[in-house]
Amino acid sequence: MEVRAELNNYRVSAQKARLVADQIRGKGVEDALITLDLSSKRIAGPMAKLVRSAVANAETKNERDKAGIDLDNLVVHRVTVDEGSSMWRVRARAHGRAAWIQKRTSNITVVLAER
């Protein structure tokens, strides 16, 4: 039984988010949350919130469908970080020129499964 939660168009580059995602992949939920709480990366807070959301989804699915999910044995089965849409901004440069800046976003998906 798998449970998922998604965070779409979060304002961080996918490369930076993948660094944190690699740290929690395959860990138990408690260990993953401890790792995220101790991380100094900016994306660690929203990713911890996303893992908590997936646990809440598991509780809801367990109550609604009588799925029989053991919440103590949940593990972070899959974490995918994909590139979202980019915002394009203009930065003024010398001699009246302009340079384009790409503000990147990420789509993050967390899938929890039973151990």
N, C-alpha and C. Protein backbone atom coordinates (compact mmCIF):
# COMPACT_ATOMS: atom_id res chain seq x y z
N MET A 1 0.84 -1.17 0.00
CA MET A 1 0.00 0.00 0.00
C MET A 1 0.89 1.24 0.00
N GLU A 2 0.66 2.12 -0.94
CA GLU A 2 1.46 3.34 -1.05
C GLU A 2 0.58 4.56 -0.84
N VAL A 3 1.18 5.59 -0.23
CA VAL A 3 0.51 6.86 0.00
C VAL A 3 1.44 7.95 -0.51
N ARG A 4 0.88 8.99 -1.14
CA ARG A 4 1.71 10.02 -1.73
C ARG A 4 1.24 11.42 -1.35
N ALA A 5 2.19 12.35 -1.46
CA ALA A 5 1.89 13.77 -1.27
C ALA A 5 2.76 14.54 -2.25
N GLU A 6 2.23 15.64 -2.76
CA GLU A 6 2.95 16.42 -3.76
C GLU A 6 3.06 17.88 -3.34
N LEU A 7 4.16 18.48 -3.76
CA LEU A 7 4.39 19.91 -3.58
C LEU A 7 4.78 20.45 -4.95
N ASN A 8 3.90 21.27 -5.53
CA ASN A 8 4.13 21.73 -6.89
C ASN A 8 4.55 23.19 -6.93
N ASN A 9 5.45 23.50 -7.86
CA ASN A 9 5.93 24.86 -8.13
C ASN A 9 6.50 25.54 -6.90
N TYR A 10 7.30 24.81 -6.13
CA TYR A 10 7.97 25.42 -4.99
C TYR A 10 9.22 26.12 -5.50
N ARG A 11 9.49 27.29 -4.99
CA ARG A 11 10.51 28.19 -5.52
C ARG A 11 11.92 27.82 -5.03
N VAL A 12 12.41 26.68 -5.54
CA VAL A 12 13.79 26.24 -5.30
C VAL A 12 14.19 25.42 -6.52
N SER A 13 15.46 25.44 -6.87
CA SER A 13 15.88 24.68 -8.03
C SER A 13 15.86 23.19 -7.72
N ALA A 14 15.62 22.38 -8.73
CA ALA A 14 15.52 20.94 -8.54
C ALA A 14 16.85 20.35 -8.08
N GLN A 15 17.94 20.92 -8.52
CA GLN A 15 19.26 20.42 -8.13
C GLN A 15 19.47 20.55 -6.62
N LYS A 16 19.05 21.67 -6.05
CA LYS A 16 19.20 21.87 -4.61
C LYS A 16 18.25 20.97 -3.82
N ALA A 17 17.05 20.77 -4.33
CA ALA A 17 16.08 19.92 -3.64
C ALA A 17 16.48 18.45 -3.69
N ARG A 18 17.14 18.03 -4.75
CA ARG A 18 17.57 16.63 -4.87
C ARG A 18 18.63 16.27 -3.83
N LEU A 19 19.43 17.25 -3.41
CA LEU A 19 20.43 16.99 -2.38
C LEU A 19 19.76 16.53 -1.08
N VAL A 20 18.66 17.16 -0.72
CA VAL A 20 17.94 16.80 0.49
C VAL A 20 17.12 15.54 0.28
N ALA A 21 16.55 15.37 -0.91
CA ALA A 21 15.74 14.19 -1.19
C ALA A 21 16.57 12.92 -1.12
N ASP A 22 17.82 12.99 -1.54
CA ASP A 22 18.69 11.82 -1.49
C ASP A 22 19.00 11.39 -0.06
N GLN A 23 18.94 12.33 0.88
CA GLN A 23 19.24 12.01 2.27
C GLN A 23 18.12 11.23 2.96
N ILE A 24 16.87 11.41 2.53
CA ILE A 24 15.76 10.77 3.23
C ILE A 24 15.21 9.56 2.50
N ARG A 25 15.62 9.32 1.28
CA ARG A 25 15.09 8.21 0.49
C ARG A 25 15.47 6.88 1.15
N GLY A 26 14.46 6.03 1.40
CA GLY A 26 14.69 4.72 1.97
C GLY A 26 14.67 4.68 3.49
N LYS A 27 14.56 5.80 4.15
CA LYS A 27 14.56 5.84 5.61
C LYS A 27 13.13 5.71 6.14
N GLY A 28 13.03 5.37 7.41
CA GLY A 28 11.74 5.36 8.08
C GLY A 28 11.27 6.80 8.25
N VAL A 29 9.98 6.96 8.51
CA VAL A 29 9.40 8.30 8.59
C VAL A 29 10.03 9.09 9.74
N GLU A 30 10.19 8.46 10.89
CA GLU A 30 10.77 9.18 12.04
C GLU A 30 12.20 9.60 11.75
N ASP A 31 12.99 8.69 11.17
CA ASP A 31 14.38 9.01 10.85
C ASP A 31 14.46 10.11 9.80
N ALA A 32 13.55 10.08 8.83
CA ALA A 32 13.54 11.10 7.79
C ALA A 32 13.21 12.46 8.36
N LEU A 33 12.24 12.51 9.27
CA LEU A 33 11.87 13.78 9.88
C LEU A 33 12.99 14.33 10.76
N ILE A 34 13.69 13.47 11.47
CA ILE A 34 14.82 13.92 12.28
C ILE A 34 15.92 14.46 11.37
N THR A 35 16.20 13.76 10.27
CA THR A 35 17.22 14.22 9.33
C THR A 35 16.85 15.58 8.75
N LEU A 36 15.58 15.76 8.40
CA LEU A 36 15.14 17.03 7.82
C LEU A 36 15.16 18.16 8.84
N ASP A 37 14.81 17.85 10.09
CA ASP A 37 14.81 18.89 11.12
C ASP A 37 16.23 19.37 11.43
N LEU A 38 17.21 18.48 11.29
CA LEU A 38 18.59 18.85 11.59
C LEU A 38 19.34 19.42 10.38
N SER A 39 18.73 19.37 9.22
CA SER A 39 19.38 19.87 8.01
C SER A 39 19.37 21.40 7.98
N SER A 40 20.42 21.96 7.41
CA SER A 40 20.52 23.41 7.32
C SER A 40 20.03 23.95 5.97
N LYS A 41 19.60 23.08 5.09
CA LYS A 41 19.11 23.51 3.78
C LYS A 41 17.73 24.14 3.90
N ARG A 42 17.45 25.11 3.05
CA ARG A 42 16.18 25.84 3.10
C ARG A 42 14.99 24.95 2.71
N ILE A 43 15.21 23.99 1.84
CA ILE A 43 14.12 23.12 1.38
C ILE A 43 13.76 22.07 2.41
N ALA A 44 14.57 21.89 3.45
CA ALA A 44 14.32 20.82 4.43
C ALA A 44 13.02 21.04 5.19
N GLY A 45 12.68 22.28 5.51
CA GLY A 45 11.44 22.57 6.21
C GLY A 45 10.20 22.21 5.41
N PRO A 46 10.08 22.71 4.17
CA PRO A 46 8.92 22.32 3.36
C PRO A 46 8.88 20.83 3.04
N MET A 47 10.05 20.18 2.92
CA MET A 47 10.04 18.75 2.64
C MET A 47 9.58 17.95 3.87
N ALA A 48 9.93 18.42 5.08
CA ALA A 48 9.44 17.78 6.29
C ALA A 48 7.92 17.93 6.39
N LYS A 49 7.43 19.10 6.02
CA LYS A 49 5.99 19.33 6.01
C LYS A 49 5.31 18.41 5.00
N LEU A 50 5.97 18.14 3.89
CA LEU A 50 5.43 17.26 2.87
C LEU A 50 5.38 15.81 3.37
N VAL A 51 6.41 15.38 4.09
CA VAL A 51 6.40 14.03 4.66
C VAL A 51 5.29 13.89 5.69
N ARG A 52 5.11 14.92 6.52
CA ARG A 52 4.02 14.89 7.50
C ARG A 52 2.66 14.86 6.81
N SER A 53 2.54 15.53 5.67
CA SER A 53 1.31 15.51 4.91
C SER A 53 1.04 14.11 4.35
N ALA A 54 2.09 13.42 3.91
CA ALA A 54 1.92 12.06 3.41
C ALA A 54 1.49 11.12 4.53
N VAL A 55 2.01 11.33 5.74
CA VAL A 55 1.59 10.52 6.89
C VAL A 55 0.12 10.79 7.20
N ALA A 56 -0.29 12.05 7.14
CA ALA A 56 -1.70 12.39 7.37
C ALA A 56 -2.59 11.77 6.29
N ASN A 57 -2.09 11.73 5.05
CA ASN A 57 -2.85 11.07 3.98
C ASN A 57 -3.00 9.59 4.27
N ALA A 58 -1.95 8.97 4.85
CA ALA A 58 -2.03 7.55 5.19
C ALA A 58 -3.06 7.32 6.29
N GLU A 59 -3.10 8.21 7.27
CA GLU A 59 -4.10 8.09 8.34
C GLU A 59 -5.51 8.21 7.78
N THR A 60 -5.72 9.18 6.90
CA THR A 60 -7.03 9.38 6.30
C THR A 60 -7.44 8.18 5.45
N LYS A 61 -6.49 7.67 4.68
CA LYS A 61 -6.78 6.51 3.83
C LYS A 61 -7.08 5.29 4.68
N ASN A 62 -6.39 5.19 5.81
CA ASN A 62 -6.60 4.06 6.72
C ASN A 62 -8.00 4.11 7.33
N GLU A 63 -8.44 5.31 7.73
CA GLU A 63 -9.76 5.44 8.33
C GLU A 63 -10.87 5.29 7.30
N ARG A 64 -10.66 5.88 6.12
CA ARG A 64 -11.72 5.90 5.11
C ARG A 64 -11.91 4.54 4.45
N ASP A 65 -10.81 3.92 4.02
CA ASP A 65 -10.91 2.70 3.22
C ASP A 65 -10.68 1.43 4.03
N LYS A 66 -10.40 1.58 5.32
CA LYS A 66 -10.06 0.42 6.16
C LYS A 66 -8.91 -0.36 5.51
N ALA A 67 -7.88 0.39 5.10
CA ALA A 67 -6.78 -0.19 4.33
C ALA A 67 -5.86 -1.05 5.17
N GLY A 68 -5.84 -0.87 6.48
CA GLY A 68 -4.98 -1.68 7.33
C GLY A 68 -3.51 -1.28 7.25
N ILE A 69 -3.24 0.00 7.06
CA ILE A 69 -1.86 0.48 6.98
C ILE A 69 -1.32 0.62 8.40
N ASP A 70 -0.15 0.03 8.65
CA ASP A 70 0.50 0.19 9.94
C ASP A 70 1.35 1.45 9.89
N LEU A 71 0.92 2.49 10.58
CA LEU A 71 1.57 3.79 10.50
C LEU A 71 2.97 3.79 11.11
N ASP A 72 3.25 2.82 11.98
CA ASP A 72 4.57 2.77 12.60
C ASP A 72 5.62 2.20 11.67
N ASN A 73 5.21 1.47 10.64
CA ASN A 73 6.14 0.84 9.71
C ASN A 73 6.25 1.56 8.38
N LEU A 74 5.84 2.82 8.32
CA LEU A 74 5.93 3.57 7.06
C LEU A 74 7.36 3.96 6.78
N VAL A 75 7.75 3.87 5.52
CA VAL A 75 9.09 4.21 5.09
C VAL A 75 8.99 5.10 3.86
N VAL A 76 9.96 5.99 3.68
CA VAL A 76 9.98 6.86 2.50
C VAL A 76 10.43 6.00 1.32
N HIS A 77 9.47 5.56 0.54
CA HIS A 77 9.75 4.63 -0.55
C HIS A 77 10.36 5.33 -1.75
N ARG A 78 9.78 6.47 -2.13
CA ARG A 78 10.24 7.18 -3.32
C ARG A 78 10.12 8.68 -3.09
N VAL A 79 11.13 9.41 -3.49
CA VAL A 79 11.10 10.88 -3.49
C VAL A 79 11.58 11.32 -4.86
N THR A 80 10.71 11.98 -5.61
CA THR A 80 11.11 12.48 -6.92
C THR A 80 11.06 14.00 -6.91
N VAL A 81 12.07 14.60 -7.50
CA VAL A 81 12.14 16.05 -7.62
C VAL A 81 12.29 16.37 -9.10
N ASP A 82 11.27 16.98 -9.67
CA ASP A 82 11.27 17.34 -11.08
C ASP A 82 11.28 18.86 -11.21
N GLU A 83 11.72 19.32 -12.37
CA GLU A 83 11.71 20.75 -12.63
C GLU A 83 10.28 21.22 -12.89
N GLY A 84 9.93 22.32 -12.28
CA GLY A 84 8.63 22.93 -12.53
C GLY A 84 8.77 24.02 -13.58
N SER A 85 7.78 24.86 -13.67
CA SER A 85 7.85 25.97 -14.61
C SER A 85 8.83 27.02 -14.10
N SER A 86 9.42 27.75 -15.00
CA SER A 86 10.39 28.78 -14.62
C SER A 86 9.81 30.16 -14.86
N MET A 87 10.16 31.07 -13.97
CA MET A 87 9.78 32.46 -14.16
C MET A 87 10.98 33.18 -14.78
N TRP A 88 10.73 33.98 -15.76
CA TRP A 88 11.80 34.72 -16.42
C TRP A 88 11.76 36.16 -15.97
N ARG A 89 12.89 36.67 -15.54
CA ARG A 89 13.00 38.05 -15.09
C ARG A 89 14.13 38.72 -15.85
N VAL A 90 14.10 40.04 -15.89
CA VAL A 90 15.12 40.81 -16.60
C VAL A 90 15.97 41.55 -15.59
N ARG A 91 17.27 41.49 -15.80
CA ARG A 91 18.20 42.22 -14.95
C ARG A 91 18.94 43.25 -15.80
N ALA A 92 19.00 44.46 -15.31
CA ALA A 92 19.66 45.52 -16.06
C ALA A 92 21.18 45.29 -16.06
N ARG A 93 21.78 45.53 -17.21
CA ARG A 93 23.23 45.37 -17.35
C ARG A 93 23.81 46.69 -17.87
N ALA A 94 25.08 46.69 -18.08
CA ALA A 94 25.77 47.92 -18.51
C ALA A 94 25.36 48.32 -19.93
N HIS A 95 25.47 49.62 -20.22
CA HIS A 95 25.21 50.20 -21.55
C HIS A 95 23.79 49.95 -22.01
N GLY A 96 22.83 49.93 -21.09
CA GLY A 96 21.42 49.81 -21.46
C GLY A 96 21.01 48.43 -21.89
N ARG A 97 21.83 47.45 -21.68
CA ARG A 97 21.48 46.08 -22.09
C ARG A 97 20.67 45.41 -20.98
N ALA A 98 20.18 44.21 -21.28
CA ALA A 98 19.42 43.44 -20.30
C ALA A 98 19.88 41.99 -20.36
N ALA A 99 19.83 41.33 -19.23
CA ALA A 99 20.16 39.91 -19.14
C ALA A 99 18.96 39.18 -18.55
N TRP A 100 18.66 38.01 -19.10
CA TRP A 100 17.55 37.24 -18.61
C TRP A 100 17.99 36.36 -17.44
N ILE A 101 17.16 36.34 -16.39
CA ILE A 101 17.41 35.48 -15.24
C ILE A 101 16.26 34.50 -15.14
N GLN A 102 16.60 33.24 -14.91
CA GLN A 102 15.60 32.20 -14.82
C GLN A 102 15.38 31.84 -13.35
N LYS A 103 14.17 32.09 -12.84
CA LYS A 103 13.81 31.72 -11.48
C LYS A 103 13.17 30.34 -11.53
N ARG A 104 13.88 29.34 -11.06
CA ARG A 104 13.43 27.96 -11.23
C ARG A 104 12.51 27.52 -10.09
N THR A 105 11.62 26.58 -10.41
CA THR A 105 10.74 25.98 -9.42
C THR A 105 10.86 24.47 -9.52
N SER A 106 10.34 23.78 -8.50
CA SER A 106 10.42 22.32 -8.44
C SER A 106 9.07 21.71 -8.11
N ASN A 107 8.85 20.52 -8.63
CA ASN A 107 7.70 19.70 -8.27
C ASN A 107 8.25 18.50 -7.49
N ILE A 108 7.84 18.38 -6.22
CA ILE A 108 8.37 17.33 -5.35
C ILE A 108 7.26 16.36 -5.01
N THR A 109 7.52 15.06 -5.12
CA THR A 109 6.57 14.03 -4.80
C THR A 109 7.19 13.07 -3.80
N VAL A 110 6.48 12.81 -2.70
CA VAL A 110 6.94 11.86 -1.69
C VAL A 110 5.96 10.70 -1.67
N VAL A 111 6.48 9.47 -1.77
CA VAL A 111 5.65 8.27 -1.72
C VAL A 111 6.10 7.46 -0.51
N LEU A 112 5.15 7.17 0.38
CA LEU A 112 5.42 6.34 1.56
C LEU A 112 4.84 4.96 1.32
N ALA A 113 5.54 3.94 1.81
CA ALA A 113 5.07 2.56 1.73
C ALA A 113 5.35 1.86 3.04
N GLU A 114 4.70 0.73 3.23
CA GLU A 114 4.96 -0.04 4.44
C GLU A 114 6.24 -0.83 4.29
N ARG A 115 6.94 -0.97 5.39
CA ARG A 115 8.20 -1.72 5.39
C ARG A 115 7.91 -3.18 5.24
